[in-house]
C-alpha atoms as a PDB file:
ATOM      1  CA  MET A   1     -55.063  69.262  17.860  1.00  0.00           C
ATOM      2  CA  CYS A   2     -52.797  67.443  20.176  1.00  0.00           C
ATOM      3  CA  ASN A   3     -54.570  64.245  21.417  1.00  0.00           C
ATOM      4  CA  PRO A   4     -54.756  64.512  25.281  1.00  0.00           C
ATOM      5  CA  ALA A   5     -53.081  61.027  25.545  1.00  0.00           C
ATOM      6  CA  ASP A   6     -49.994  62.114  23.630  1.00  0.00           C
ATOM      7  CA  PHE A   7     -49.545  65.120  25.481  1.00  0.00           C
ATOM      8  CA  ARG A   8     -49.464  63.184  28.678  1.00  0.00           C
ATOM      9  CA  GLN A   9     -47.266  60.486  27.030  1.00  0.00           C
ATOM     10  CA  ARG A  10     -44.757  63.433  25.942  1.00  0.00           C
ATOM     11  CA  ARG A  11     -45.021  65.184  29.288  1.00  0.00           C
ATOM     12  CA  SER A  12     -44.132  61.673  30.976  1.00  0.00           C
ATOM     13  CA  ASP A  13     -41.004  61.379  28.514  1.00  0.00           C
ATOM     14  CA  SER A  14     -39.916  64.795  29.279  1.00  0.00           C
ATOM     15  CA  ALA A  15     -39.939  63.830  32.984  1.00  0.00           C
ATOM     16  CA  HIS A  16     -37.850  60.799  32.261  1.00  0.00           C
ATOM     17  CA  SER A  17     -35.448  62.692  30.521  1.00  0.00           C
ATOM     18  CA  THR A  18     -34.729  65.375  33.083  1.00  0.00           C
ATOM     19  CA  ALA A  19     -34.425  62.718  35.944  1.00  0.00           C
ATOM     20  CA  ASP A  20     -31.693  60.620  33.797  1.00  0.00           C
ATOM     21  CA  LEU A  21     -30.111  64.007  33.168  1.00  0.00           C
ATOM     22  CA  ALA A  22     -30.175  64.959  36.810  1.00  0.00           C
ATOM     23  CA  LYS A  23     -28.811  61.582  37.638  1.00  0.00           C
ATOM     24  CA  THR A  24     -26.024  62.039  35.409  1.00  0.00           C
ATOM     25  CA  LYS A  25     -24.768  65.517  36.610  1.00  0.00           C
ATOM     26  CA  ARG A  26     -25.213  63.910  39.894  1.00  0.00           C
ATOM     27  CA  SER A  27     -22.882  60.872  39.103  1.00  0.00           C
ATOM     28  CA  LEU A  28     -20.250  63.191  37.256  1.00  0.00           C
ATOM     29  CA  HIS A  29     -19.969  65.232  40.657  1.00  0.00           C
ATOM     30  CA  LEU A  30     -18.644  62.092  42.221  1.00  0.00           C
ATOM     31  CA  GLN A  31     -15.242  62.886  40.756  1.00  0.00           C
ATOM     32  CA  PRO A  32     -13.051  63.152  42.262  1.00  0.00           C
ATOM     33  CA  TYR A  33     -13.155  61.191  45.087  1.00  0.00           C
ATOM     34  CA  PRO A  34     -13.283  62.896  48.536  1.00  0.00           C
ATOM     35  CA  LYS A  35     -11.073  61.679  51.077  1.00  0.00           C
ATOM     36  CA  THR A  36     -13.262  60.774  54.062  1.00  0.00           C
ATOM     37  CA  PRO A  37     -11.866  60.664  57.553  1.00  0.00           C
ATOM     38  CA  ILE A  38     -10.245  57.287  58.334  1.00  0.00           C
ATOM     39  CA  GLY A  39     -10.105  55.615  62.060  1.00  0.00           C
ATOM     40  CA  PHE A  40      -7.101  55.941  64.252  1.00  0.00           C
ATOM     41  CA  PHE A  41      -5.642  52.524  64.797  1.00  0.00           C
ATOM     42  CA  THR A  42      -2.058  50.750  64.956  1.00  0.00           C
ATOM     43  CA  ALA A  43      -1.146  47.660  63.198  1.00  0.00           C
ATOM     44  CA  LYS A  44       2.014  45.758  62.611  1.00  0.00           C
ATOM     45  CA  GLU A  45       2.493  46.728  58.602  1.00  0.00           C
ATOM     46  CA  THR A  46       0.363  49.875  58.026  1.00  0.00           C
ATOM     47  CA  SER A  47      -0.979  53.094  59.638  1.00  0.00           C
ATOM     48  CA  PRO A  48      -3.249  55.950  58.990  1.00  0.00           C
ATOM     49  CA  GLU A  49      -0.395  57.780  57.568  1.00  0.00           C
ATOM     50  CA  LEU A  50       0.908  55.156  55.336  1.00  0.00           C
ATOM     51  CA  ILE A  51      -2.772  54.664  53.927  1.00  0.00           C
ATOM     52  CA  LEU A  52      -3.184  58.468  53.288  1.00  0.00           C
ATOM     53  CA  ASP A  53       0.282  58.210  51.668  1.00  0.00           C
ATOM     54  CA  LYS A  54      -0.730  55.369  49.479  1.00  0.00           C
ATOM     55  CA  HIS A  55      -4.143  57.375  48.360  1.00  0.00           C
ATOM     56  CA  SER A  56      -2.144  60.292  47.497  1.00  0.00           C
ATOM     57  CA  LYS A  57      -0.262  58.450  44.796  1.00  0.00           C
ATOM     58  CA  ILE A  58      -3.018  56.434  43.263  1.00  0.00           C
ATOM     59  CA  ASP A  59      -4.977  57.392  40.150  1.00  0.00           C
ATOM     60  CA  ALA A  60      -8.674  56.318  39.930  1.00  0.00           C
ATOM     61  CA  GLN A  61     -10.090  57.085  36.713  1.00  0.00           C
ATOM     62  CA  LYS A  62     -13.740  56.708  35.128  1.00  0.00           C
ATOM     63  CA  HIS A  63     -13.096  55.167  31.792  1.00  0.00           C
ATOM     64  CA  LEU A  64     -15.264  52.538  29.531  1.00  0.00           C
ATOM     65  CA  VAL A  65     -14.065  49.693  27.516  1.00  0.00           C
ATOM     66  CA  ALA A  66     -16.264  47.311  26.330  1.00  0.00           C
ATOM     67  CA  GLN A  67     -15.353  44.652  23.786  1.00  0.00           C
ATOM     68  CA  VAL A  68     -16.791  41.235  22.308  1.00  0.00           C
ATOM     69  CA  GLY A  69     -13.817  38.603  22.893  1.00  0.00           C
ATOM     70  CA  LEU A  70     -10.772  38.691  25.152  1.00  0.00           C
ATOM     71  CA  GLU A  71      -8.080  39.749  22.633  1.00  0.00           C
ATOM     72  CA  ASN A  72     -10.114  42.974  21.651  1.00  0.00           C
ATOM     73  CA  PHE A  73     -10.886  43.650  25.006  1.00  0.00           C
ATOM     74  CA  ILE A  74      -7.139  43.536  26.195  1.00  0.00           C
ATOM     75  CA  ARG A  75      -5.987  45.592  23.074  1.00  0.00           C
ATOM     76  CA  SER A  76      -8.203  47.973  24.156  1.00  0.00           C
ATOM     77  CA  ILE A  77      -7.569  48.586  27.885  1.00  0.00           C
ATOM     78  CA  SER A  78      -4.033  48.619  26.990  1.00  0.00           C
ATOM     79  CA  LYS A  79      -4.397  51.834  25.154  1.00  0.00           C
ATOM     80  CA  VAL A  80      -5.991  53.367  28.124  1.00  0.00           C
ATOM     81  CA  LEU A  81      -2.769  53.699  30.252  1.00  0.00           C
ATOM     82  CA  ASP A  82      -0.493  53.560  26.780  1.00  0.00           C
ATOM     83  CA  LEU A  83       0.661  50.146  27.539  1.00  0.00           C
ATOM     84  CA  LYS A  84       2.735  47.571  25.264  1.00  0.00           C
ATOM     85  CA  LEU A  85       1.884  44.135  24.592  1.00  0.00           C
ATOM     86  CA  PRO A  86       5.038  42.152  23.914  1.00  0.00           C
ATOM     87  CA  ARG A  87       4.088  38.637  22.929  1.00  0.00           C
ATOM     88  CA  LYS A  88       5.442  36.804  26.136  1.00  0.00           C
ATOM     89  CA  VAL A  89       3.581  37.338  29.301  1.00  0.00           C
ATOM     90  CA  LYS A  90       3.312  35.989  32.607  1.00  0.00           C
ATOM     91  CA  PHE A  91      -0.569  35.122  32.895  1.00  0.00           C
ATOM     92  CA  ASN A  92      -1.861  34.100  36.156  1.00  0.00           C
ATOM     93  CA  MET A  93      -5.661  32.450  35.797  1.00  0.00           C
ATOM     94  CA  ASN A  94      -6.582  32.340  39.081  1.00  0.00           C
ATOM     95  CA  GLY A  95      -4.013  30.051  40.304  1.00  0.00           C
ATOM     96  CA  ARG A  96      -5.732  27.222  38.072  1.00  0.00           C
ATOM     97  CA  GLY A  97      -3.181  28.153  34.837  1.00  0.00           C
ATOM     98  CA  ARG A  98      -0.248  29.663  34.153  1.00  0.00           C
ATOM     99  CA  MET A  99       0.579  30.958  30.523  1.00  0.00           C
ATOM    100  CA  GLU A 100       3.659  32.465  29.079  1.00  0.00           C
ATOM    101  CA  SER A 101       2.329  34.097  25.877  1.00  0.00           C
ATOM    102  CA  TRP A 102      -0.634  36.268  24.993  1.00  0.00           C
ATOM    103  CA  ASP A 103      -1.365  33.215  22.164  1.00  0.00           C
ATOM    104  CA  ASP A 104      -1.575  30.591  24.817  1.00  0.00           C
ATOM    105  CA  VAL A 105      -4.154  33.188  26.633  1.00  0.00           C
ATOM    106  CA  TYR A 106      -6.339  33.713  23.711  1.00  0.00           C
ATOM    107  CA  LEU A 107      -6.626  29.799  22.780  1.00  0.00           C
ATOM    108  CA  ALA A 108      -7.488  28.748  26.419  1.00  0.00           C
ATOM    109  CA  GLU A 109     -10.104  31.367  26.535  1.00  0.00           C
ATOM    110  CA  LYS A 110     -11.578  30.140  23.417  1.00  0.00           C
ATOM    111  CA  VAL A 111     -11.564  26.515  24.302  1.00  0.00           C
ATOM    112  CA  TYR A 112     -12.694  26.705  27.944  1.00  0.00           C
ATOM    113  CA  THR A 113     -15.695  28.739  26.710  1.00  0.00           C
ATOM    114  CA  ARG A 114     -16.676  26.467  24.251  1.00  0.00           C
ATOM    115  CA  CYS A 115     -16.353  23.584  26.800  1.00  0.00           C
ATOM    116  CA  LEU A 116     -18.139  25.437  29.289  1.00  0.00           C
ATOM    117  CA  GLY A 117     -21.321  26.022  26.727  1.00  0.00           C
ATOM    118  CA  ILE A 118     -20.553  29.701  26.572  1.00  0.00           C
ATOM    119  CA  SER A 119     -21.231  30.673  22.880  1.00  0.00           C
ATOM    120  CA  LYS A 120     -20.525  34.638  23.193  1.00  0.00           C
ATOM    121  CA  ARG A 121     -18.633  36.648  26.223  1.00  0.00           C
ATOM    122  CA  ILE A 122     -19.259  40.329  26.194  1.00  0.00           C
ATOM    123  CA  TYR A 123     -16.364  42.206  28.286  1.00  0.00           C
ATOM    124  CA  GLN A 124     -16.433  45.575  29.906  1.00  0.00           C
ATOM    125  CA  THR A 125     -14.933  47.846  32.600  1.00  0.00           C
ATOM    126  CA  HIS A 126     -16.132  51.029  33.727  1.00  0.00           C
ATOM    127  CA  ALA A 127     -13.191  52.300  35.970  1.00  0.00           C
ATOM    128  CA  TYR A 128      -9.657  51.520  36.850  1.00  0.00           C
ATOM    129  CA  THR A 129      -7.098  52.510  39.767  1.00  0.00           C
ATOM    130  CA  HIS A 130      -3.359  53.160  38.780  1.00  0.00           C
ATOM    131  CA  GLU A 131      -0.441  53.014  41.068  1.00  0.00           C
ATOM    132  CA  PRO A 132       2.600  54.514  38.993  1.00  0.00           C
ATOM    133  CA  SER A 133       4.678  53.711  41.882  1.00  0.00           C
ATOM    134  CA  ARG A 134       4.403  50.456  41.833  1.00  0.00           C
ATOM    135  CA  ASN A 135       3.932  49.977  37.961  1.00  0.00           C
ATOM    136  CA  VAL A 136       0.014  48.210  38.078  1.00  0.00           C
ATOM    137  CA  ALA A 137      -3.108  49.117  37.304  1.00  0.00           C
ATOM    138  CA  TYR A 138      -6.209  47.177  38.188  1.00  0.00           C
ATOM    139  CA  PHE A 139      -9.596  47.123  37.726  1.00  0.00           C
ATOM    140  CA  ILE A 140     -13.022  44.938  37.824  1.00  0.00           C
ATOM    141  CA  LEU A 141     -13.717  43.239  34.459  1.00  0.00           C
ATOM    142  CA  GLU A 142     -17.429  42.571  33.968  1.00  0.00           C
ATOM    143  CA  GLU A 143     -18.237  39.620  31.688  1.00  0.00           C
ATOM    144  CA  HIS A 144     -21.562  38.539  30.153  1.00  0.00           C
ATOM    145  CA  ASN A 145     -21.870  35.641  29.272  1.00  0.00           C
ATOM    146  CA  GLU A 146     -24.188  34.378  26.612  1.00  0.00           C
ATOM    147  CA  ARG A 147     -25.193  30.262  26.540  1.00  0.00           C
ATOM    148  CA  SER A 148     -24.777  27.958  23.453  1.00  0.00           C
ATOM    149  CA  LEU A 149     -27.096  25.523  25.182  1.00  0.00           C
ATOM    150  CA  SER A 150     -31.068  26.945  25.470  1.00  0.00           C
ATOM    151  CA  TRP A 151     -31.702  25.331  28.943  1.00  0.00           C
ATOM    152  CA  LEU A 152     -28.395  26.924  30.653  1.00  0.00           C
ATOM    153  CA  PRO A 153     -29.312  30.615  31.957  1.00  0.00           C
ATOM    154  CA  GLY A 154     -26.647  33.447  30.865  1.00  0.00           C
ATOM    155  CA  PHE A 155     -25.288  35.233  33.511  1.00  0.00           C
ATOM    156  CA  ASP A 156     -22.809  38.131  34.425  1.00  0.00           C
ATOM    157  CA  PHE A 157     -19.677  37.668  36.203  1.00  0.00           C
ATOM    158  CA  TYR A 158     -16.977  39.991  38.017  1.00  0.00           C
ATOM    159  CA  VAL A 159     -13.129  39.426  37.686  1.00  0.00           C
ATOM    160  CA  LEU A 160     -10.430  41.033  39.404  1.00  0.00           C
ATOM    161  CA  VAL A 161      -7.689  41.940  37.091  1.00  0.00           C
ATOM    162  CA  PHE A 162      -4.148  43.080  38.198  1.00  0.00           C
ATOM    163  CA  THR A 163      -1.759  44.470  35.492  1.00  0.00           C
ATOM    164  CA  TYR A 164       1.868  44.549  35.800  1.00  0.00           C
ATOM    165  CA  TYR A 165       4.239  46.576  33.737  1.00  0.00           C
ATOM    166  CA  ASP A 166       8.060  47.724  33.534  1.00  0.00           C
ATOM    167  CA  GLU A 167       9.666  50.974  32.967  1.00  0.00           C
ATOM    168  CA  GLU A 168       8.768  50.802  29.159  1.00  0.00           C
ATOM    169  CA  LYS A 169       5.317  50.380  29.621  1.00  0.00           C
ATOM    170  CA  ARG A 170       5.609  46.705  28.558  1.00  0.00           C
ATOM    171  CA  VAL A 171       3.066  44.603  30.244  1.00  0.00           C
ATOM    172  CA  THR A 172       5.037  41.794  31.955  1.00  0.00           C
ATOM    173  CA  ARG A 173       2.296  40.086  34.416  1.00  0.00           C
ATOM    174  CA  VAL A 174      -1.434  39.629  34.742  1.00  0.00           C
ATOM    175  CA  ASP A 175      -2.980  38.325  37.759  1.00  0.00           C
ATOM    176  CA  VAL A 176      -6.738  37.301  37.145  1.00  0.00           C
ATOM    177  CA  GLN A 177      -8.525  36.871  40.622  1.00  0.00           C
ATOM    178  CA  TYR A 178     -12.246  35.279  41.019  1.00  0.00           C
ATOM    179  CA  ASP A 179     -14.539  33.107  43.019  1.00  0.00           C
ATOM    180  CA  GLN A 180     -13.918  29.697  41.338  1.00  0.00           C
ATOM    181  CA  LEU A 181     -16.769  28.028  43.005  1.00  0.00           C
ATOM    182  CA  SER A 182     -19.099  30.607  42.001  1.00  0.00           C
ATOM    183  CA  PHE A 183     -18.137  30.589  38.569  1.00  0.00           C
ATOM    184  CA  TYR A 184     -18.500  26.916  37.941  1.00  0.00           C
ATOM    185  CA  LEU A 185     -21.947  26.793  39.564  1.00  0.00           C
ATOM    186  CA  HIS A 186     -23.250  30.002  37.224  1.00  0.00           C
ATOM    187  CA  CYS A 187     -21.850  27.571  34.080  1.00  0.00           C
ATOM    188  CA  VAL A 188     -23.740  24.326  35.248  1.00  0.00           C
ATOM    189  CA  GLY A 189     -26.588  26.348  35.946  1.00  0.00           C
ATOM    190  CA  LEU A 190     -26.813  25.881  39.761  1.00  0.00           C
ATOM    191  CA  ALA A 191     -25.904  29.341  40.825  1.00  0.00           C
ATOM    192  CA  GLN A 192     -29.307  30.100  42.256  1.00  0.00           C
ATOM    193  CA  ALA A 193     -30.142  26.887  44.023  1.00  0.00           C
ATOM    194  CA  HIS A 194     -26.529  27.089  45.642  1.00  0.00           C
ATOM    195  CA  ALA A 195     -27.810  30.711  46.867  1.00  0.00           C
ATOM    196  CA  SER A 196     -30.976  29.200  48.041  1.00  0.00           C
ATOM    197  CA  LEU A 197     -29.148  26.881  50.247  1.00  0.00           C
ATOM    198  CA  VAL A 198     -26.507  29.124  51.938  1.00  0.00           C
ATOM    199  CA  GLU A 199     -29.751  31.481  52.803  1.00  0.00           C
ATOM    200  CA  ALA A 200     -31.582  28.350  54.396  1.00  0.00           C
ATOM    201  CA  LEU A 201     -28.376  27.471  56.420  1.00  0.00           C
ATOM    202  CA  THR A 202     -27.047  31.010  57.119  1.00  0.00           C
ATOM    203  CA  PRO A 203     -29.791  31.598  59.697  1.00  0.00           C
ATOM    204  CA  LEU A 204     -29.003  28.098  61.815  1.00  0.00           C
ATOM    205  CA  ILE A 205     -25.141  29.183  61.971  1.00  0.00           C
ATOM    206  CA  VAL A 206     -25.989  33.024  63.194  1.00  0.00           C
ATOM    207  CA  VAL A 207     -27.954  31.064  65.965  1.00  0.00           C
ATOM    208  CA  TRP A 208     -24.907  28.976  66.808  1.00  0.00           C
ATOM    209  CA  ALA A 209     -23.018  31.869  66.434  1.00  0.00           C
ATOM    210  CA  ARG A 210     -24.911  33.954  69.192  1.00  0.00           C
ATOM    211  CA  ALA A 211     -24.924  30.677  71.263  1.00  0.00           C
ATOM    212  CA  PHE A 212     -21.450  30.688  71.362  1.00  0.00           C
ATOM    213  CA  HIS A 213     -20.616  34.182  71.688  1.00  0.00           C
ATOM    214  CA  GLY A 214     -23.204  34.086  74.626  1.00  0.00           C
ATOM    215  CA  THR A 215     -21.088  31.722  76.587  1.00  0.00           C
ATOM    216  CA  GLY A 216     -18.275  34.182  77.274  1.00  0.00           C
ATOM    217  CA  GLN A 217     -15.579  31.150  76.148  1.00  0.00           C
ATOM    218  CA  SER A 218     -12.273  32.530  75.557  1.00  0.00           C
ATOM    219  CA  LYS A 219     -11.059  29.262  74.365  1.00  0.00           C
ATOM    220  CA  SER A 220     -11.003  28.663  70.440  1.00  0.00           C
ATOM    221  CA  ILE A 221     -13.105  25.799  68.966  1.00  0.00           C
ATOM    222  CA  PRO A 222     -10.070  23.286  68.752  1.00  0.00           C
ATOM    223  CA  GLU A 223      -9.777  23.604  72.668  1.00  0.00           C
ATOM    224  CA  LEU A 224     -13.526  23.239  73.247  1.00  0.00           C
ATOM    225  CA  PHE A 225     -14.345  20.830  71.359  1.00  0.00           C
ATOM    226  CA  PRO A 226     -12.077  17.298  71.238  1.00  0.00           C
ATOM    227  CA  LEU A 227     -10.807  17.607  67.653  1.00  0.00           C
ATOM    228  CA  ARG A 228      -8.101  15.144  67.305  1.00  0.00           C
ATOM    229  CA  GLU A 229     -10.522  12.490  68.577  1.00  0.00           C
ATOM    230  CA  PHE A 230     -12.969  13.541  65.939  1.00  0.00           C
ATOM    231  CA  VAL A 231     -10.373  13.127  63.250  1.00  0.00           C
ATOM    232  CA  ILE A 232      -9.678   9.554  64.658  1.00  0.00           C
ATOM    233  CA  MET A 233     -13.085   8.336  64.948  1.00  0.00           C
ATOM    234  CA  THR A 234     -13.731   9.712  61.299  1.00  0.00           C
ATOM    235  CA  TYR A 235     -10.870   8.037  59.339  1.00  0.00           C
ATOM    236  CA  ASN A 236     -11.577   4.810  61.301  1.00  0.00           C
ATOM    237  CA  CYS A 237     -15.359   4.914  60.456  1.00  0.00           C
ATOM    238  CA  ALA A 238     -14.835   3.910  56.949  1.00  0.00           C
ATOM    239  CA  HIS A 239     -12.715   0.633  58.060  1.00  0.00           C
ATOM    240  CA  GLY A 240     -15.149   0.092  60.792  1.00  0.00           C
ATOM    241  CA  LYS A 241     -12.960   0.729  63.735  1.00  0.00           C
ATOM    242  CA  ALA A 242     -14.478   3.937  65.179  1.00  0.00           C
ATOM    243  CA  LEU A 243     -15.797   2.493  68.410  1.00  0.00           C
ATOM    244  CA  GLN A 244     -12.146   0.618  69.359  1.00  0.00           C
ATOM    245  CA  SER A 245     -10.353   3.962  68.427  1.00  0.00           C
ATOM    246  CA  LEU A 246     -12.694   5.840  70.319  1.00  0.00           C
ATOM    247  CA  VAL A 247     -12.407   3.593  73.349  1.00  0.00           C
ATOM    248  CA  LEU A 248      -8.825   2.935  73.202  1.00  0.00           C
ATOM    249  CA  ILE A 249      -8.196   6.896  73.798  1.00  0.00           C
ATOM    250  CA  GLN A 250     -11.031   7.847  76.458  1.00  0.00           C
ATOM    251  CA  THR A 251      -9.735   5.277  78.891  1.00  0.00           C
ATOM    252  CA  LEU A 252      -6.015   5.671  78.962  1.00  0.00           C
ATOM    253  CA  PRO A 253      -4.576   8.120  81.135  1.00  0.00           C
ATOM    254  CA  SER A 254      -4.068  11.468  80.439  1.00  0.00           C
ATOM    255  CA  GLN A 255      -0.454  11.409  79.355  1.00  0.00           C
ATOM    256  CA  SER A 256      -0.642   8.049  77.468  1.00  0.00           C
ATOM    257  CA  ARG A 257      -3.901   9.813  75.431  1.00  0.00           C
ATOM    258  CA  SER A 258      -1.528  12.428  74.100  1.00  0.00           C
ATOM    259  CA  ASP A 259       0.938   9.350  73.114  1.00  0.00           C
ATOM    260  CA  ALA A 260      -1.755   7.437  71.534  1.00  0.00           C
ATOM    261  CA  ARG A 261      -2.825  10.457  69.381  1.00  0.00           C
ATOM    262  CA  HIS A 262       1.114  10.578  67.873  1.00  0.00           C
ATOM    263  CA  SER A 263       1.204   6.601  67.502  1.00  0.00           C
ATOM    264  CA  LEU A 264      -2.192   5.079  66.387  1.00  0.00           C
ATOM    265  CA  HIS A 265      -1.580   2.913  63.343  1.00  0.00           C
ATOM    266  CA  TYR A 266      -4.289   2.586  60.845  1.00  0.00           C
ATOM    267  CA  HIS A 267      -4.663  -0.164  58.117  1.00  0.00           C
ATOM    268  CA  ARG A 268      -2.192  -1.468  55.406  1.00  0.00           C
ATOM    269  CA  GLY A 269       0.906  -0.227  58.263  1.00  0.00           C
ATOM    270  CA  VAL A 270       0.304   3.471  57.602  1.00  0.00           C
ATOM    271  CA  ALA A 271       0.817   5.833  60.296  1.00  0.00           C
ATOM    272  CA  VAL A 272      -1.198   8.755  60.472  1.00  0.00           C
ATOM    273  CA  GLU A 273      -0.095  11.888  62.247  1.00  0.00           C
ATOM    274  CA  THR A 274      -2.977  13.115  64.285  1.00  0.00           C
ATOM    275  CA  ALA A 275      -1.695  15.650  66.569  1.00  0.00           C
ATOM    276  CA  LEU A 276      -3.343  18.495  64.821  1.00  0.00           C
ATOM    277  CA  CYS A 277      -3.048  21.178  67.292  1.00  0.00           C
END
C-alpha cells in the first residue's frame, strides 16, 4: 500500500510540475513582443513615427548561450547570427582598454580575472537584439564569477555588448559597456557596504530635493549657490588662504569681483581660471 506521507509528497511534486509547466507556457506566449501604444511627443532628433519605423526593422529573439571562458562564449554567440571572427577586431573595453585582435582580448581576460581573484567565469545570454539596417547586434551578457580566495564573495554581473559587422558578416568592432565602479566594488567585496551607504544617504537627498522643489525657484544650482567663490575657497584651503580669498572677493565692488575671479593667482605663480559658469 501507498504510504500517506509518500502520497502527499507525490501530490505536491505533481502540483509543482504543473505550476512550472504553466509558467513555461506563459513565458512562451510573450513571443513575439506586442507593440504597446507610445506617447505623443516632439523632439529634435526623433519622433513617434521614427521610433515605430525603427521597431519594425529590429529583430529581438530569445536565444540561450552559456559557456565557461570568454573565448568559448564568443565563438558560440557568433554562430547565432552566422558571423565570422577574423583575427583583427577593434575591441573597446568600456573605454578602459582598446585592443586590436582577439588574441589580445582573450589574453587580457585571462590576466585581469586572475589579478582580481576570479577563478572561474561563466558567461551567458538569453536574448539578443539585431538591427540589420545598422549591421549591429547587442545583448546583455551575464557573468557568474567564482573567487579564488575564500573570503571574497562570488558575484553576478551584467554587461551590455554591441557587436558590429561588415557586409560579409565579419565582426569588425565590439563595444563593451558596464558600470566600472560597481564591478570593482564587487571584486573587493565592498558592493553590499556601498549599497547600504547609498540607502542611508538617499532619504537625506530626497528631503533636500523636496525642499528645493518646494521653493519654486527657477534658477539653477550654480545661480543659487556662489559656486565660484566656493571653488576659490576650496583650492586655497589647502594653502591656508581660504579666509584671505573670501574677504578679498566679498569686499570688492560687483564689477571688481567678476574681474577678481579671473585674475586670482595662487602659489608657485600659477594662475587658475575660476570662471566656471
